[in-house]
Amino acid sequence: MPNQHALLRYPACNRALLSIAPTIALLAALPPAAAAQQPIARDAAQDAARRAAIHPVADAAAMQAWLARVPVTRSFPNDLAATLDGHGPAFIIEMTTSAGCIPCGDLWAKLSSLAARHGWRLRTMGSEDAMIRSGRLGLPWAGHPVAWVRPVTDPWRAIPIAVGTDHTPNLARNLYLAAKMLTGVRPAVGVRAMAKFTGIVGAAPRPREGRRP
């Protein structure tokens, strides 16, 4: 089974990993002959879990349809506002975007509002840097947008707060979780367990057909 403490270091950063944990545990218990098929079975399970957790959308209607299925955080810790207000100057939010990405614009607007309200900095980051960062943390690349929080003075200590767009209350919750984790304070287990990523990302642009002679 994956190390639960390692998974919980990030805001439920891999729902897909949690979903394939029983498969991995079962394969580990198989006899050698069956275990020889482990890499194939593991890859298939991971691929299936990844596809199930990612929802590419090409228009606002599809995005809103998926967002309607995402639970909205209703209960917050008492120190939410104080934490967000007090830690804003120390952290920066970075997110990826791409041309024509509907969820990117939606996430940017929501994070901009939260950043202005609580004094956080917000900026875009390049796709290549985001992919490198995802790889360092063992997170599969799902597409744009992806948002992270990191200390202003340390570009390598980053925690993902969104893979795909999300509801504003959920983003506020994940900003809170990131601030707590980056300052070495354990957030309440119940709040931490609620943090999930939506996987509502922009659909990949269709390749343009070459001109016929």
C-alpha atoms as a PDB file:
ATOM      1  CA  MET A   1       0.000   0.000   0.000  1.00  0.00           C
ATOM      2  CA  PRO A   2       1.213   3.552  -0.651  1.00  0.00           C
ATOM      3  CA  ASN A   3       2.539   5.392   2.355  1.00  0.00           C
ATOM      4  CA  GLN A   4      -0.530   7.212   3.662  1.00  0.00           C
ATOM      5  CA  HIS A   5       1.570   9.867   5.346  1.00  0.00           C
ATOM      6  CA  ALA A   6       3.364  10.603   2.084  1.00  0.00           C
ATOM      7  CA  LEU A   7       0.067  10.914   0.226  1.00  0.00           C
ATOM      8  CA  LEU A   8      -1.350  13.216   2.866  1.00  0.00           C
ATOM      9  CA  ARG A   9       1.588  15.599   2.568  1.00  0.00           C
ATOM     10  CA  TYR A  10      -0.348  17.157  -0.277  1.00  0.00           C
ATOM     11  CA  PRO A  11      -4.073  18.063  -0.395  1.00  0.00           C
ATOM     12  CA  ALA A  12      -5.300  14.584  -1.359  1.00  0.00           C
ATOM     13  CA  CYS A  13      -2.967  15.090  -4.272  1.00  0.00           C
ATOM     14  CA  ASN A  14      -3.591  11.729  -5.877  1.00  0.00           C
ATOM     15  CA  ARG A  15      -7.116  10.460  -5.789  1.00  0.00           C
ATOM     16  CA  ALA A  16      -6.006   8.227  -8.660  1.00  0.00           C
ATOM     17  CA  LEU A  17      -3.232   6.715  -6.530  1.00  0.00           C
ATOM     18  CA  LEU A  18      -5.660   6.016  -3.715  1.00  0.00           C
ATOM     19  CA  SER A  19      -8.066   4.333  -6.134  1.00  0.00           C
ATOM     20  CA  ILE A  20      -5.439   1.885  -7.421  1.00  0.00           C
ATOM     21  CA  ALA A  21      -3.966   1.054  -4.013  1.00  0.00           C
ATOM     22  CA  PRO A  22      -6.062  -2.150  -3.598  1.00  0.00           C
ATOM     23  CA  THR A  23      -4.895  -3.366  -7.019  1.00  0.00           C
ATOM     24  CA  ILE A  24      -1.247  -2.825  -6.089  1.00  0.00           C
ATOM     25  CA  ALA A  25      -1.700  -4.619  -2.764  1.00  0.00           C
ATOM     26  CA  LEU A  26      -3.366  -7.591  -4.469  1.00  0.00           C
ATOM     27  CA  LEU A  27      -0.618  -7.903  -7.057  1.00  0.00           C
ATOM     28  CA  ALA A  28       2.011  -7.875  -4.326  1.00  0.00           C
ATOM     29  CA  ALA A  29       0.415 -10.973  -2.793  1.00  0.00           C
ATOM     30  CA  LEU A  30       0.334 -12.993  -6.013  1.00  0.00           C
ATOM     31  CA  PRO A  31       2.660 -15.992  -6.630  1.00  0.00           C
ATOM     32  CA  PRO A  32       5.730 -15.411  -8.845  1.00  0.00           C
ATOM     33  CA  ALA A  33       4.079 -16.625 -12.063  1.00  0.00           C
ATOM     34  CA  ALA A  34       1.215 -14.208 -11.704  1.00  0.00           C
ATOM     35  CA  ALA A  35       3.450 -11.481 -10.330  1.00  0.00           C
ATOM     36  CA  ALA A  36       5.326 -11.511 -13.625  1.00  0.00           C
ATOM     37  CA  GLN A  37       2.292  -9.766 -15.086  1.00  0.00           C
ATOM     38  CA  GLN A  38       2.472  -7.049 -12.415  1.00  0.00           C
ATOM     39  CA  PRO A  39       3.976  -4.285 -14.588  1.00  0.00           C
ATOM     40  CA  ILE A  40       1.293  -4.745 -17.265  1.00  0.00           C
ATOM     41  CA  ALA A  41      -1.553  -4.900 -14.756  1.00  0.00           C
ATOM     42  CA  ARG A  42      -0.185  -1.964 -12.790  1.00  0.00           C
ATOM     43  CA  ASP A  43       0.182   0.191 -15.894  1.00  0.00           C
ATOM     44  CA  ALA A  44      -3.345  -0.672 -17.004  1.00  0.00           C
ATOM     45  CA  ALA A  45      -4.771   0.129 -13.567  1.00  0.00           C
ATOM     46  CA  GLN A  46      -2.914   3.422 -13.372  1.00  0.00           C
ATOM     47  CA  ASP A  47      -4.006   4.404 -16.868  1.00  0.00           C
ATOM     48  CA  ALA A  48      -7.641   3.570 -16.115  1.00  0.00           C
ATOM     49  CA  ALA A  49      -7.550   5.499 -12.836  1.00  0.00           C
ATOM     50  CA  ARG A  50      -5.941   8.480 -14.545  1.00  0.00           C
ATOM     51  CA  ARG A  51      -8.578   8.583 -17.295  1.00  0.00           C
ATOM     52  CA  ALA A  52     -11.379   8.337 -14.738  1.00  0.00           C
ATOM     53  CA  ALA A  53      -9.997  11.271 -12.730  1.00  0.00           C
ATOM     54  CA  ILE A  54      -9.457  13.668 -15.660  1.00  0.00           C
ATOM     55  CA  HIS A  55     -12.295  15.523 -17.383  1.00  0.00           C
ATOM     56  CA  PRO A  56     -11.173  17.546 -20.422  1.00  0.00           C
ATOM     57  CA  VAL A  57     -13.721  20.200 -21.433  1.00  0.00           C
ATOM     58  CA  ALA A  58     -13.874  22.357 -24.540  1.00  0.00           C
ATOM     59  CA  ASP A  59     -16.594  24.830 -23.559  1.00  0.00           C
ATOM     60  CA  ALA A  60     -18.142  26.560 -20.561  1.00  0.00           C
ATOM     61  CA  ALA A  61     -21.248  24.361 -20.544  1.00  0.00           C
ATOM     62  CA  ALA A  62     -19.208  21.176 -20.197  1.00  0.00           C
ATOM     63  CA  MET A  63     -17.067  22.787 -17.502  1.00  0.00           C
ATOM     64  CA  GLN A  64     -20.115  23.843 -15.471  1.00  0.00           C
ATOM     65  CA  ALA A  65     -21.640  20.386 -15.859  1.00  0.00           C
ATOM     66  CA  TRP A  66     -18.562  18.802 -14.286  1.00  0.00           C
ATOM     67  CA  LEU A  67     -18.304  21.502 -11.614  1.00  0.00           C
ATOM     68  CA  ALA A  68     -21.900  20.777 -10.620  1.00  0.00           C
ATOM     69  CA  ARG A  69     -20.758  17.299  -9.601  1.00  0.00           C
ATOM     70  CA  VAL A  70     -17.948  18.587  -7.364  1.00  0.00           C
ATOM     71  CA  PRO A  71     -18.842  18.892  -3.650  1.00  0.00           C
ATOM     72  CA  VAL A  72     -18.427  22.376  -2.200  1.00  0.00           C
ATOM     73  CA  THR A  73     -16.686  22.799   1.152  1.00  0.00           C
ATOM     74  CA  ARG A  74     -19.214  24.034   3.729  1.00  0.00           C
ATOM     75  CA  SER A  75     -17.271  23.749   6.972  1.00  0.00           C
ATOM     76  CA  PHE A  76     -14.002  25.554   7.604  1.00  0.00           C
ATOM     77  CA  PRO A  77     -11.556  25.730  10.526  1.00  0.00           C
ATOM     78  CA  ASN A  78     -11.876  28.762  12.759  1.00  0.00           C
ATOM     79  CA  ASP A  79      -8.473  30.101  11.759  1.00  0.00           C
ATOM     80  CA  LEU A  80      -9.079  30.007   7.989  1.00  0.00           C
ATOM     81  CA  ALA A  81      -9.260  33.774   7.426  1.00  0.00           C
ATOM     82  CA  ALA A  82      -6.447  34.522   9.867  1.00  0.00           C
ATOM     83  CA  THR A  83      -4.208  31.926   8.214  1.00  0.00           C
ATOM     84  CA  LEU A  84      -4.866  33.175   4.689  1.00  0.00           C
ATOM     85  CA  ASP A  85      -4.451  36.830   5.699  1.00  0.00           C
ATOM     86  CA  GLY A  86      -1.331  36.194   7.743  1.00  0.00           C
ATOM     87  CA  HIS A  87       0.579  34.029   5.282  1.00  0.00           C
ATOM     88  CA  GLY A  88      -0.144  35.827   2.033  1.00  0.00           C
ATOM     89  CA  PRO A  89       3.113  37.816   1.885  1.00  0.00           C
ATOM     90  CA  ALA A  90       5.209  34.675   2.392  1.00  0.00           C
ATOM     91  CA  PHE A  91       3.752  32.609  -0.445  1.00  0.00           C
ATOM     92  CA  ILE A  92       3.047  32.845  -4.144  1.00  0.00           C
ATOM     93  CA  ILE A  93       0.417  31.039  -6.204  1.00  0.00           C
ATOM     94  CA  GLU A  94       1.573  29.805  -9.598  1.00  0.00           C
ATOM     95  CA  MET A  95      -0.709  28.316 -12.226  1.00  0.00           C
ATOM     96  CA  THR A  96      -0.438  27.089 -15.781  1.00  0.00           C
ATOM     97  CA  THR A  97      -2.609  28.185 -18.667  1.00  0.00           C
ATOM     98  CA  SER A  98      -2.933  27.719 -22.399  1.00  0.00           C
ATOM     99  CA  ALA A  99      -4.689  29.450 -25.267  1.00  0.00           C
ATOM    100  CA  GLY A 100      -8.394  28.673 -25.480  1.00  0.00           C
ATOM    101  CA  CYS A 101      -8.425  26.832 -22.141  1.00  0.00           C
ATOM    102  CA  ILE A 102     -11.839  27.535 -20.573  1.00  0.00           C
ATOM    103  CA  PRO A 103     -11.018  26.047 -17.131  1.00  0.00           C
ATOM    104  CA  CYS A 104      -7.805  28.103 -17.073  1.00  0.00           C
ATOM    105  CA  GLY A 105      -9.730  31.357 -17.309  1.00  0.00           C
ATOM    106  CA  ASP A 106     -12.191  30.177 -14.681  1.00  0.00           C
ATOM    107  CA  LEU A 107      -9.473  29.156 -12.231  1.00  0.00           C
ATOM    108  CA  TRP A 108      -7.512  32.365 -12.829  1.00  0.00           C
ATOM    109  CA  ALA A 109     -10.553  34.506 -12.023  1.00  0.00           C
ATOM    110  CA  LYS A 110     -11.254  32.609  -8.802  1.00  0.00           C
ATOM    111  CA  LEU A 111      -7.644  32.614  -7.630  1.00  0.00           C
ATOM    112  CA  SER A 112      -7.321  36.309  -8.513  1.00  0.00           C
ATOM    113  CA  SER A 113     -10.264  37.092  -6.261  1.00  0.00           C
ATOM    114  CA  LEU A 114      -8.835  35.058  -3.375  1.00  0.00           C
ATOM    115  CA  ALA A 115      -5.357  36.515  -3.860  1.00  0.00           C
ATOM    116  CA  ALA A 116      -6.674  40.083  -3.807  1.00  0.00           C
ATOM    117  CA  ARG A 117      -8.819  39.398  -0.745  1.00  0.00           C
ATOM    118  CA  HIS A 118      -6.040  37.849   1.332  1.00  0.00           C
ATOM    119  CA  GLY A 119      -2.915  39.556  -0.017  1.00  0.00           C
ATOM    120  CA  TRP A 120      -1.404  36.623  -1.907  1.00  0.00           C
ATOM    121  CA  ARG A 121       0.640  36.941  -5.071  1.00  0.00           C
ATOM    122  CA  LEU A 122      -0.527  35.155  -8.210  1.00  0.00           C
ATOM    123  CA  ARG A 123       1.292  34.555 -11.467  1.00  0.00           C
ATOM    124  CA  THR A 124       1.364  32.167 -14.406  1.00  0.00           C
ATOM    125  CA  MET A 125       4.090  29.594 -14.930  1.00  0.00           C
ATOM    126  CA  GLY A 126       5.299  27.851 -18.066  1.00  0.00           C
ATOM    127  CA  SER A 127       4.184  24.382 -19.067  1.00  0.00           C
ATOM    128  CA  GLU A 128       7.723  23.014 -19.064  1.00  0.00           C
ATOM    129  CA  ASP A 129       8.396  24.205 -15.514  1.00  0.00           C
ATOM    130  CA  ALA A 130       5.058  22.787 -14.386  1.00  0.00           C
ATOM    131  CA  MET A 131       5.782  19.393 -15.928  1.00  0.00           C
ATOM    132  CA  ILE A 132       9.207  19.281 -14.296  1.00  0.00           C
ATOM    133  CA  ARG A 133       7.665  20.163 -10.950  1.00  0.00           C
ATOM    134  CA  SER A 134       4.965  17.512 -11.364  1.00  0.00           C
ATOM    135  CA  GLY A 135       7.588  14.923 -12.241  1.00  0.00           C
ATOM    136  CA  ARG A 136       9.663  15.729  -9.170  1.00  0.00           C
ATOM    137  CA  LEU A 137       6.635  15.060  -6.965  1.00  0.00           C
ATOM    138  CA  GLY A 138       5.539  11.976  -8.874  1.00  0.00           C
ATOM    139  CA  LEU A 139       2.290  13.554 -10.060  1.00  0.00           C
ATOM    140  CA  PRO A 140       0.999  12.565 -13.508  1.00  0.00           C
ATOM    141  CA  TRP A 141       0.528  15.463 -15.905  1.00  0.00           C
ATOM    142  CA  ALA A 142      -3.219  15.933 -16.489  1.00  0.00           C
ATOM    143  CA  GLY A 143      -3.260  19.123 -18.533  1.00  0.00           C
ATOM    144  CA  HIS A 144      -4.005  22.796 -17.885  1.00  0.00           C
ATOM    145  CA  PRO A 145      -4.653  24.371 -15.464  1.00  0.00           C
ATOM    146  CA  VAL A 146      -2.525  23.231 -12.551  1.00  0.00           C
ATOM    147  CA  ALA A 147      -1.974  25.556  -9.588  1.00  0.00           C
ATOM    148  CA  TRP A 148       0.687  25.428  -6.888  1.00  0.00           C
ATOM    149  CA  VAL A 149       1.625  27.319  -3.747  1.00  0.00           C
ATOM    150  CA  ARG A 150       5.262  27.809  -2.814  1.00  0.00           C
ATOM    151  CA  PRO A 151       7.294  30.057  -0.512  1.00  0.00           C
ATOM    152  CA  VAL A 152       8.409  33.252  -2.234  1.00  0.00           C
ATOM    153  CA  THR A 153      12.022  32.416  -1.396  1.00  0.00           C
ATOM    154  CA  ASP A 154      11.982  28.708  -2.349  1.00  0.00           C
ATOM    155  CA  PRO A 155      10.817  27.608  -5.824  1.00  0.00           C
ATOM    156  CA  TRP A 156      11.307  23.911  -5.024  1.00  0.00           C
ATOM    157  CA  ARG A 157       8.999  23.599  -2.009  1.00  0.00           C
ATOM    158  CA  ALA A 158       5.710  23.645  -3.884  1.00  0.00           C
ATOM    159  CA  ILE A 159       2.375  22.080  -2.999  1.00  0.00           C
ATOM    160  CA  PRO A 160      -0.338  21.565  -5.631  1.00  0.00           C
ATOM    161  CA  ILE A 161      -3.651  23.208  -4.778  1.00  0.00           C
ATOM    162  CA  ALA A 162      -5.595  22.525  -7.983  1.00  0.00           C
ATOM    163  CA  VAL A 163      -5.504  20.166 -10.924  1.00  0.00           C
ATOM    164  CA  GLY A 164      -8.282  21.608 -13.044  1.00  0.00           C
ATOM    165  CA  THR A 165     -10.613  24.375 -11.991  1.00  0.00           C
ATOM    166  CA  ASP A 166     -12.670  24.158  -8.798  1.00  0.00           C
ATOM    167  CA  HIS A 167     -15.184  25.994  -6.632  1.00  0.00           C
ATOM    168  CA  THR A 168     -13.881  29.062  -4.798  1.00  0.00           C
ATOM    169  CA  PRO A 169     -14.517  27.624  -1.291  1.00  0.00           C
ATOM    170  CA  ASN A 170     -12.523  24.518  -2.205  1.00  0.00           C
ATOM    171  CA  LEU A 171      -9.650  26.652  -3.473  1.00  0.00           C
ATOM    172  CA  ALA A 172      -9.664  28.659  -0.243  1.00  0.00           C
ATOM    173  CA  ARG A 173      -9.522  25.390   1.676  1.00  0.00           C
ATOM    174  CA  ASN A 174      -6.546  24.198  -0.338  1.00  0.00           C
ATOM    175  CA  LEU A 175      -4.712  27.505   0.092  1.00  0.00           C
ATOM    176  CA  TYR A 176      -5.214  27.071   3.834  1.00  0.00           C
ATOM    177  CA  LEU A 177      -3.902  23.512   3.703  1.00  0.00           C
ATOM    178  CA  ALA A 178      -0.857  24.559   1.686  1.00  0.00           C
ATOM    179  CA  ALA A 179      -0.033  27.356   4.123  1.00  0.00           C
ATOM    180  CA  LYS A 180      -0.293  24.974   7.066  1.00  0.00           C
ATOM    181  CA  MET A 181       1.841  22.299   5.438  1.00  0.00           C
ATOM    182  CA  LEU A 182       4.519  24.700   4.246  1.00  0.00           C
ATOM    183  CA  THR A 183       4.849  26.177   7.731  1.00  0.00           C
ATOM    184  CA  GLY A 184       5.129  22.750   9.353  1.00  0.00           C
ATOM    185  CA  VAL A 185       1.773  22.845  11.125  1.00  0.00           C
ATOM    186  CA  ARG A 186      -0.515  19.858  10.709  1.00  0.00           C
ATOM    187  CA  PRO A 187      -4.024  20.913   9.695  1.00  0.00           C
ATOM    188  CA  ALA A 188      -7.040  19.162  11.153  1.00  0.00           C
ATOM    189  CA  VAL A 189      -7.265  15.651   9.728  1.00  0.00           C
ATOM    190  CA  GLY A 190     -10.917  16.106   8.793  1.00  0.00           C
ATOM    191  CA  VAL A 191     -10.222  19.234   6.777  1.00  0.00           C
ATOM    192  CA  ARG A 192      -7.180  17.680   5.126  1.00  0.00           C
ATOM    193  CA  ALA A 193      -9.167  14.621   4.095  1.00  0.00           C
ATOM    194  CA  MET A 194     -11.720  16.809   2.296  1.00  0.00           C
ATOM    195  CA  ALA A 195      -9.181  18.267  -0.131  1.00  0.00           C
ATOM    196  CA  LYS A 196      -9.606  16.805  -3.611  1.00  0.00           C
ATOM    197  CA  PHE A 197      -8.636  17.730  -7.130  1.00  0.00           C
ATOM    198  CA  THR A 198     -11.333  17.944  -9.796  1.00  0.00           C
ATOM    199  CA  GLY A 199      -9.380  17.071 -12.955  1.00  0.00           C
ATOM    200  CA  ILE A 200     -11.537  19.549 -14.930  1.00  0.00           C
ATOM    201  CA  VAL A 201      -8.932  20.633 -17.459  1.00  0.00           C
ATOM    202  CA  GLY A 202      -8.961  22.173 -20.902  1.00  0.00           C
ATOM    203  CA  ALA A 203      -9.413  19.825 -23.833  1.00  0.00           C
ATOM    204  CA  ALA A 204      -6.295  19.442 -25.941  1.00  0.00           C
ATOM    205  CA  PRO A 205      -6.580  21.472 -29.156  1.00  0.00           C
ATOM    206  CA  ARG A 206      -7.253  19.429 -32.245  1.00  0.00           C
ATOM    207  CA  PRO A 207      -4.348  19.306 -34.675  1.00  0.00           C
ATOM    208  CA  ARG A 208      -4.899  21.378 -37.769  1.00  0.00           C
ATOM    209  CA  GLU A 209      -5.269  19.421 -40.954  1.00  0.00           C
ATOM    210  CA  GLY A 210      -2.586  20.103 -43.502  1.00  0.00           C
ATOM    211  CA  ARG A 211      -3.555  21.796 -46.703  1.00  0.00           C
ATOM    212  CA  ARG A 212      -4.209  19.457 -49.557  1.00  0.00           C
ATOM    213  CA  PRO A 213      -2.250  20.080 -52.732  1.00  0.00           C
END
